[in-house]
PDB file of N, CA and C in Angstrom:
ATOM      1  N   MET A   1       7.777   3.330  14.063  1.00  0.00           N
ATOM      2  CA  MET A   1       8.160   3.322  12.859  1.00  0.00           C
ATOM      3  C   MET A   1       7.680   4.619  12.217  1.00  0.00           C
ATOM      4  N   PRO A   2       8.349   5.544  11.870  1.00  0.00           N
ATOM      5  CA  PRO A   2       7.755   6.814  11.370  1.00  0.00           C
ATOM      6  C   PRO A   2       7.144   6.638  10.298  1.00  0.00           C
ATOM      7  N   ASN A   3       7.010   5.704   9.038  1.00  0.00           N
ATOM      8  CA  ASN A   3       6.252   5.994   8.296  1.00  0.00           C
ATOM      9  C   ASN A   3       5.189   4.878   7.941  1.00  0.00           C
ATOM     10  N   GLU A   4       4.803   4.691   9.603  1.00  0.00           N
ATOM     11  CA  GLU A   4       3.557   3.620   9.457  1.00  0.00           C
ATOM     12  C   GLU A   4       2.233   4.456   9.527  1.00  0.00           C
ATOM     13  N   LYS A   5       1.276   3.767   8.784  1.00  0.00           N
ATOM     14  CA  LYS A   5      -0.063   4.394   8.786  1.00  0.00           C
ATOM     15  C   LYS A   5      -1.201   3.362   9.274  1.00  0.00           C
ATOM     16  N   MET A   6      -2.205   3.967   9.752  1.00  0.00           N
ATOM     17  CA  MET A   6      -3.209   2.945   9.814  1.00  0.00           C
ATOM     18  C   MET A   6      -4.333   3.041   8.798  1.00  0.00           C
ATOM     19  N   LEU A   7      -4.226   2.121   8.152  1.00  0.00           N
ATOM     20  CA  LEU A   7      -5.373   1.710   6.815  1.00  0.00           C
ATOM     21  C   LEU A   7      -5.861   1.074   6.945  1.00  0.00           C
ATOM     22  N   SER A   8      -6.811   0.502   6.144  1.00  0.00           N
ATOM     23  CA  SER A   8      -8.172  -0.489   6.282  1.00  0.00           C
ATOM     24  C   SER A   8      -7.280  -1.633   5.202  1.00  0.00           C
ATOM     25  N   CYS A   9      -7.120  -2.917   6.093  1.00  0.00           N
ATOM     26  CA  CYS A   9      -6.373  -4.251   5.500  1.00  0.00           C
ATOM     27  C   CYS A   9      -7.655  -4.817   4.635  1.00  0.00           C
ATOM     28  N   TYR A  10      -7.343  -5.291   3.351  1.00  0.00           N
ATOM     29  CA  TYR A  10      -8.638  -6.102   2.732  1.00  0.00           C
ATOM     30  C   TYR A  10      -8.370  -7.755   3.434  1.00  0.00           C
ATOM     31  N   THR A  11      -7.537  -7.654   3.709  1.00  0.00           N
ATOM     32  CA  THR A  11      -7.314  -9.564   4.034  1.00  0.00           C
ATOM     33  C   THR A  11      -7.438  -9.768   5.455  1.00  0.00           C
ATOM     34  N   CYS A  12      -7.186  -8.582   6.219  1.00  0.00           N
ATOM     35  CA  CYS A  12      -7.531  -8.494   7.527  1.00  0.00           C
ATOM     36  C   CYS A  12      -8.840  -8.056   7.930  1.00  0.00           C
ATOM     37  N   GLY A  13      -9.479  -7.373   7.394  1.00  0.00           N
ATOM     38  CA  GLY A  13     -10.860  -6.851   7.776  1.00  0.00           C
ATOM     39  C   GLY A  13     -11.076  -5.892   8.584  1.00  0.00           C
ATOM     40  N   GLN A  14      -9.869  -5.301   8.817  1.00  0.00           N
ATOM     41  CA  GLN A  14      -9.899  -4.162   9.931  1.00  0.00           C
ATOM     42  C   GLN A  14      -8.867  -2.987   9.718  1.00  0.00           C
ATOM     43  N   ARG A  15      -8.487  -2.383  10.047  1.00  0.00           N
ATOM     44  CA  ARG A  15      -8.052  -1.171  10.048  1.00  0.00           C
ATOM     45  C   ARG A  15      -6.403  -1.661  10.932  1.00  0.00           C
ATOM     46  N   GLU A  16      -5.288  -1.252  10.331  1.00  0.00           N
ATOM     47  CA  GLU A  16      -4.002  -2.202  10.544  1.00  0.00           C
ATOM     48  C   GLU A  16      -2.816  -1.132  10.352  1.00  0.00           C
ATOM     49  N   PRO A  17      -1.830  -1.424  10.890  1.00  0.00           N
ATOM     50  CA  PRO A  17      -0.185  -0.667  10.805  1.00  0.00           C
ATOM     51  C   PRO A  17      -0.166  -0.982   9.496  1.00  0.00           C
ATOM     52  N   HIS A  18       0.531   0.101   8.033  1.00  0.00           N
ATOM     53  CA  HIS A  18       0.719  -0.471   6.760  1.00  0.00           C
ATOM     54  C   HIS A  18       2.067   0.455   7.279  1.00  0.00           C
ATOM     55  N   ARG A  19       3.427  -0.019   6.098  1.00  0.00           N
ATOM     56  CA  ARG A  19       4.448   0.624   5.837  1.00  0.00           C
ATOM     57  C   ARG A  19       4.608   0.609   4.559  1.00  0.00           C
ATOM     58  N   GLN A  20       5.336   1.871   3.868  1.00  0.00           N
ATOM     59  CA  GLN A  20       6.078   1.692   2.747  1.00  0.00           C
ATOM     60  C   GLN A  20       6.848   0.778   2.388  1.00  0.00           C
ATOM     61  N   PRO A  21       7.335   0.294   0.992  1.00  0.00           N
ATOM     62  CA  PRO A  21       8.426  -0.460   0.789  1.00  0.00           C
ATOM     63  C   PRO A  21       9.533  -0.078   1.498  1.00  0.00           C
ATOM     64  N   ARG A  22      10.493  -0.913   2.311  1.00  0.00           N
ATOM     65  CA  ARG A  22      11.694  -0.300   2.555  1.00  0.00           C
ATOM     66  C   ARG A  22      12.872  -0.286   1.782  1.00  0.00           C
ATOM     67  N   ASP A  23      12.895  -1.145   0.456  1.00  0.00           N
ATOM     68  CA  ASP A  23      13.912  -1.199  -0.013  1.00  0.00           C
ATOM     69  C   ASP A  23      13.830  -1.583  -1.395  1.00  0.00           C
ATOM     70  N   ASP A  24      14.977  -1.961  -2.119  1.00  0.00           N
ATOM     71  CA  ASP A  24      14.769  -1.943  -3.781  1.00  0.00           C
ATOM     72  C   ASP A  24      13.830  -3.073  -3.961  1.00  0.00           C
ATOM     73  N   GLN A  25      14.542  -4.477  -3.221  1.00  0.00           N
ATOM     74  CA  GLN A  25      13.547  -5.698  -3.430  1.00  0.00           C
ATOM     75  C   GLN A  25      12.313  -5.381  -3.142  1.00  0.00           C
ATOM     76  N   GLU A  26      11.654  -4.962  -2.627  1.00  0.00           N
ATOM     77  CA  GLU A  26      10.317  -4.680  -2.115  1.00  0.00           C
ATOM     78  C   GLU A  26       9.778  -3.620  -3.060  1.00  0.00           C
ATOM     79  N   ARG A  27      10.367  -2.655  -3.688  1.00  0.00           N
ATOM     80  CA  ARG A  27       9.979  -1.913  -5.019  1.00  0.00           C
ATOM     81  C   ARG A  27      10.070  -2.314  -6.096  1.00  0.00           C
ATOM     82  N   ASN A  28      10.988  -3.551  -6.768  1.00  0.00           N
ATOM     83  CA  ASN A  28      10.935  -4.524  -7.425  1.00  0.00           C
ATOM     84  C   ASN A  28       9.627  -5.357  -7.571  1.00  0.00           C
ATOM     85  N   HIS A  29       9.512  -6.175  -6.483  1.00  0.00           N
ATOM     86  CA  HIS A  29       8.307  -6.868  -6.305  1.00  0.00           C
ATOM     87  C   HIS A  29       6.874  -6.110  -7.138  1.00  0.00           C
ATOM     88  N   ILE A  30       6.937  -4.789  -6.085  1.00  0.00           N
ATOM     89  CA  ILE A  30       5.716  -4.318  -6.481  1.00  0.00           C
ATOM     90  C   ILE A  30       6.046  -3.926  -8.103  1.00  0.00           C
ATOM     91  N   ARG A  31       6.733  -3.432  -8.584  1.00  0.00           N
ATOM     92  CA  ARG A  31       6.844  -3.112 -10.073  1.00  0.00           C
ATOM     93  C   ARG A  31       6.330  -4.410 -10.869  1.00  0.00           C
ATOM     94  N   SER A  32       6.812  -5.657 -10.336  1.00  0.00           N
ATOM     95  CA  SER A  32       6.790  -6.452 -11.046  1.00  0.00           C
ATOM     96  C   SER A  32       4.625  -7.302 -11.196  1.00  0.00           C
ATOM     97  N   LEU A  33       4.178  -6.640 -10.639  1.00  0.00           N
ATOM     98  CA  LEU A  33       2.815  -7.341 -10.575  1.00  0.00           C
ATOM     99  C   LEU A  33       2.341  -6.749 -11.699  1.00  0.00           C
ATOM    100  N   LYS A  34       1.564  -7.951 -12.324  1.00  0.00           N
ATOM    101  CA  LYS A  34       0.650  -7.748 -13.556  1.00  0.00           C
ATOM    102  C   LYS A  34      -0.356  -6.362 -13.332  1.00  0.00           C
ATOM    103  N   GLN A  35      -1.166  -6.102 -12.375  1.00  0.00           N
ATOM    104  CA  GLN A  35      -1.867  -5.221 -12.420  1.00  0.00           C
ATOM    105  C   GLN A  35      -1.527  -3.723 -12.502  1.00  0.00           C
ATOM    106  N   LEU A  36      -0.205  -3.766 -12.141  1.00  0.00           N
ATOM    107  CA  LEU A  36       0.388  -2.247 -11.727  1.00  0.00           C
ATOM    108  C   LEU A  36       0.604  -1.722 -13.295  1.00  0.00           C
ATOM    109  N   LYS A  37       0.187  -0.247 -13.226  1.00  0.00           N
ATOM    110  CA  LYS A  37       0.293   0.491 -14.395  1.00  0.00           C
ATOM    111  C   LYS A  37       1.782   0.713 -14.547  1.00  0.00           C
ATOM    112  N   PRO A  38       2.432   1.157 -15.561  1.00  0.00           N
ATOM    113  CA  PRO A  38       3.382   0.996 -15.963  1.00  0.00           C
ATOM    114  C   PRO A  38       4.855   2.243 -15.101  1.00  0.00           C
ATOM    115  N   HIS A  39       4.046   3.247 -15.168  1.00  0.00           N
ATOM    116  CA  HIS A  39       4.735   4.296 -14.556  1.00  0.00           C
ATOM    117  C   HIS A  39       4.316   4.671 -13.156  1.00  0.00           C
ATOM    118  N   ALA A  40       3.801   3.702 -12.262  1.00  0.00           N
ATOM    119  CA  ALA A  40       3.114   3.795 -10.739  1.00  0.00           C
ATOM    120  C   ALA A  40       4.246   4.170  -9.913  1.00  0.00           C
ATOM    121  N   PHE A  41       3.942   4.768  -8.941  1.00  0.00           N
ATOM    122  CA  PHE A  41       4.772   5.497  -8.034  1.00  0.00           C
ATOM    123  C   PHE A  41       4.518   4.375  -6.708  1.00  0.00           C
ATOM    124  N   VAL A  42       6.005   3.306  -6.875  1.00  0.00           N
ATOM    125  CA  VAL A  42       5.546   2.079  -5.731  1.00  0.00           C
ATOM    126  C   VAL A  42       5.492   2.803  -4.258  1.00  0.00           C
ATOM    127  N   ASP A  43       6.231   4.013  -4.125  1.00  0.00           N
ATOM    128  CA  ASP A  43       5.768   4.280  -2.464  1.00  0.00           C
ATOM    129  C   ASP A  43       4.259   4.713  -2.060  1.00  0.00           C
ATOM    130  N   ASP A  44       3.612   4.468  -3.228  1.00  0.00           N
ATOM    131  CA  ASP A  44       2.390   4.985  -3.163  1.00  0.00           C
ATOM    132  C   ASP A  44       1.480   3.448  -2.609  1.00  0.00           C
ATOM    133  N   TYR A  45       2.134   2.526  -2.493  1.00  0.00           N
ATOM    134  CA  TYR A  45       1.729   1.171  -2.286  1.00  0.00           C
ATOM    135  C   TYR A  45       2.276   0.882  -0.525  1.00  0.00           C
ATOM    136  N   TRP A  46       1.490   0.429  -0.268  1.00  0.00           N
ATOM    137  CA  TRP A  46       1.499  -0.089   1.607  1.00  0.00           C
ATOM    138  C   TRP A  46       1.593  -1.525   1.952  1.00  0.00           C
ATOM    139  N   ILE A  47       2.250  -2.303   2.703  1.00  0.00           N
ATOM    140  CA  ILE A  47       2.376  -3.175   3.249  1.00  0.00           C
ATOM    141  C   ILE A  47       1.862  -3.602   4.480  1.00  0.00           C
ATOM    142  N   CYS A  48       0.987  -4.761   4.736  1.00  0.00           N
ATOM    143  CA  CYS A  48       0.324  -4.680   6.239  1.00  0.00           C
ATOM    144  C   CYS A  48       1.408  -5.267   7.023  1.00  0.00           C
ATOM    145  N   VAL A  49       1.783  -4.558   7.962  1.00  0.00           N
ATOM    146  CA  VAL A  49       2.689  -5.038   9.211  1.00  0.00           C
ATOM    147  C   VAL A  49       1.974  -5.246  10.395  1.00  0.00           C
ATOM    148  N   THR A  50       0.580  -5.774  10.325  1.00  0.00           N
ATOM    149  CA  THR A  50       0.199  -6.388  11.652  1.00  0.00           C
ATOM    150  C   THR A  50       1.115  -7.263  12.519  1.00  0.00           C
ATOM    151  N   THR A  51       0.891  -7.026  13.957  1.00  0.00           N
ATOM    152  CA  THR A  51       1.468  -7.916  14.801  1.00  0.00           C
ATOM    153  C   THR A  51       0.848  -9.116  15.341  1.00  0.00           C
ATOM    154  N   ASP A  52      -0.721  -8.974  15.217  1.00  0.00           N
ATOM    155  CA  ASP A  52      -1.398 -10.179  15.076  1.00  0.00           C
ATOM    156  C   ASP A  52      -1.189 -11.446  14.301  1.00  0.00           C
ATOM    157  N   ARG A  53      -1.066 -11.215  13.009  1.00  0.00           N
ATOM    158  CA  ARG A  53      -0.630 -11.787  12.029  1.00  0.00           C
ATOM    159  C   ARG A  53       0.154 -12.195  11.232  1.00  0.00           C
ATOM    160  N   ASP A  54       0.764 -13.014  10.054  1.00  0.00           N
ATOM    161  CA  ASP A  54       1.754 -12.516   9.210  1.00  0.00           C
ATOM    162  C   ASP A  54       1.226 -12.216   8.197  1.00  0.00           C
ATOM    163  N   CYS A  55       0.604 -10.868   7.801  1.00  0.00           N
ATOM    164  CA  CYS A  55      -0.275 -10.298   6.480  1.00  0.00           C
ATOM    165  C   CYS A  55       0.501 -10.556   5.625  1.00  0.00           C
ATOM    166  N   ARG A  56       1.300  -9.037   5.597  1.00  0.00           N
ATOM    167  CA  ARG A  56       2.176  -8.705   4.222  1.00  0.00           C
ATOM    168  C   ARG A  56       1.253  -8.576   2.949  1.00  0.00           C
ATOM    169  N   ASN A  57      -0.036  -8.052   3.040  1.00  0.00           N
ATOM    170  CA  ASN A  57      -0.736  -7.710   2.290  1.00  0.00           C
ATOM    171  C   ASN A  57      -0.712  -6.411   1.500  1.00  0.00           C
ATOM    172  N   ILE A  58      -0.317  -6.126   0.285  1.00  0.00           N
ATOM    173  CA  ILE A  58      -0.348  -5.152  -0.692  1.00  0.00           C
ATOM    174  C   ILE A  58      -1.430  -4.081  -0.587  1.00  0.00           C
ATOM    175  N   ARG A  59      -1.444  -2.984  -0.396  1.00  0.00           N
ATOM    176  CA  ARG A  59      -2.489  -2.240  -0.971  1.00  0.00           C
ATOM    177  C   ARG A  59      -2.097  -1.046  -1.535  1.00  0.00           C
ATOM    178  N   TYR A  60      -2.813  -0.092  -2.334  1.00  0.00           N
ATOM    179  CA  TYR A  60      -2.808   1.250  -2.900  1.00  0.00           C
ATOM    180  C   TYR A  60      -2.806   2.369  -1.540  1.00  0.00           C
ATOM    181  N   ALA A  61      -2.660   3.353  -2.316  1.00  0.00           N
ATOM    182  CA  ALA A  61      -2.477   4.375  -1.014  1.00  0.00           C
ATOM    183  C   ALA A  61      -4.185   4.873  -0.715  1.00  0.00           C
ATOM    184  N   TRP A  62      -4.720   4.689  -1.756  1.00  0.00           N
ATOM    185  CA  TRP A  62      -6.337   5.243  -1.813  1.00  0.00           C
ATOM    186  C   TRP A  62      -7.044   4.298  -2.223  1.00  0.00           C
ATOM    187  N   VAL A  63      -6.781   2.770  -2.282  1.00  0.00           N
ATOM    188  CA  VAL A  63      -7.597   1.591  -2.539  1.00  0.00           C
ATOM    189  C   VAL A  63      -7.085   0.381  -1.785  1.00  0.00           C
ATOM    190  N   ASP A  64      -7.836  -0.233  -0.837  1.00  0.00           N
ATOM    191  CA  ASP A  64      -7.624  -1.113   0.215  1.00  0.00           C
ATOM    192  C   ASP A  64      -7.249  -2.485  -0.747  1.00  0.00           C
ATOM    193  N   ASN A  65      -8.111  -2.319  -2.195  1.00  0.00           N
ATOM    194  CA  ASN A  65      -7.738  -3.869  -2.576  1.00  0.00           C
ATOM    195  C   ASN A  65      -7.711  -3.662  -4.279  1.00  0.00           C
ATOM    196  N   PRO A  66      -6.367  -3.254  -4.606  1.00  0.00           N
ATOM    197  CA  PRO A  66      -6.427  -3.011  -5.810  1.00  0.00           C
ATOM    198  C   PRO A  66      -5.757  -4.320  -6.599  1.00  0.00           C
ATOM    199  N   PHE A  67      -5.857  -5.153  -6.229  1.00  0.00           N
ATOM    200  CA  PHE A  67      -5.732  -6.275  -6.829  1.00  0.00           C
ATOM    201  C   PHE A  67      -6.196  -7.479  -6.596  1.00  0.00           C
ATOM    202  N   HIS A  68      -6.637  -8.672  -7.745  1.00  0.00           N
ATOM    203  CA  HIS A  68      -7.265  -9.319  -7.912  1.00  0.00           C
ATOM    204  C   HIS A  68      -6.811 -10.749  -8.167  1.00  0.00           C
ATOM    205  N   PRO A  69      -6.381 -11.642  -7.469  1.00  0.00           N
ATOM    206  CA  PRO A  69      -6.805 -11.778  -6.104  1.00  0.00           C
ATOM    207  C   PRO A  69      -5.817 -11.212  -5.226  1.00  0.00           C
ATOM    208  N   PRO A  70      -5.843 -10.876  -4.014  1.00  0.00           N
ATOM    209  CA  PRO A  70      -5.114  -9.925  -3.321  1.00  0.00           C
ATOM    210  C   PRO A  70      -3.305 -10.278  -3.250  1.00  0.00           C
ATOM    211  N   GLU A  71      -2.197  -9.377  -3.328  1.00  0.00           N
ATOM    212  CA  GLU A  71      -1.224  -9.772  -3.325  1.00  0.00           C
ATOM    213  C   GLU A  71      -0.353  -9.525  -2.122  1.00  0.00           C
ATOM    214  N   LYS A  72       0.731 -10.439  -1.781  1.00  0.00           N
ATOM    215  CA  LYS A  72       1.522  -9.965  -0.615  1.00  0.00           C
ATOM    216  C   LYS A  72       3.022 -10.053  -0.918  1.00  0.00           C
ATOM    217  N   MET A  73       3.474  -9.028   0.020  1.00  0.00           N
ATOM    218  CA  MET A  73       4.626  -9.105   0.081  1.00  0.00           C
ATOM    219  C   MET A  73       5.503 -10.681   0.414  1.00  0.00           C
ATOM    220  N   PRO A  74       6.476 -10.808  -0.490  1.00  0.00           N
ATOM    221  CA  PRO A  74       6.766 -12.327  -0.134  1.00  0.00           C
ATOM    222  C   PRO A  74       7.786 -12.074   1.438  1.00  0.00           C
ATOM    223  N   GLU A  75       8.134 -13.282   1.689  1.00  0.00           N
ATOM    224  CA  GLU A  75       8.334 -13.385   3.307  1.00  0.00           C
ATOM    225  C   GLU A  75      10.182 -12.628   2.388  1.00  0.00           C
ATOM    226  N   PRO A  76      10.711 -11.923   3.873  1.00  0.00           N
ATOM    227  CA  PRO A  76      12.049 -11.806   3.486  1.00  0.00           C
ATOM    228  C   PRO A  76      12.798 -12.710   3.291  1.00  0.00           C
ATOM    229  N   GLU A  77      14.118 -12.476   2.555  1.00  0.00           N
ATOM    230  CA  GLU A  77      14.923 -13.594   3.140  1.00  0.00           C
ATOM    231  C   GLU A  77      16.207 -13.765   4.092  1.00  0.00           C
TER     232      GLU A  77
END
């Protein structure tokens, strides 16, 4: 996938592939997080997509653990 990056994942404990939100449903979920600043650019958030486990941890582009406790993207419907 072209928009994947290898980033540190707080919940996996190592560098894993991450992707940006892919649709409005995922972007709206990120916007709904309480700790998020009101005008944050949601495409600066990345979702862990490791194939070893079902992680879905959400991280900020420059901070691997911006949420306390960690937040995960819900399962797709």
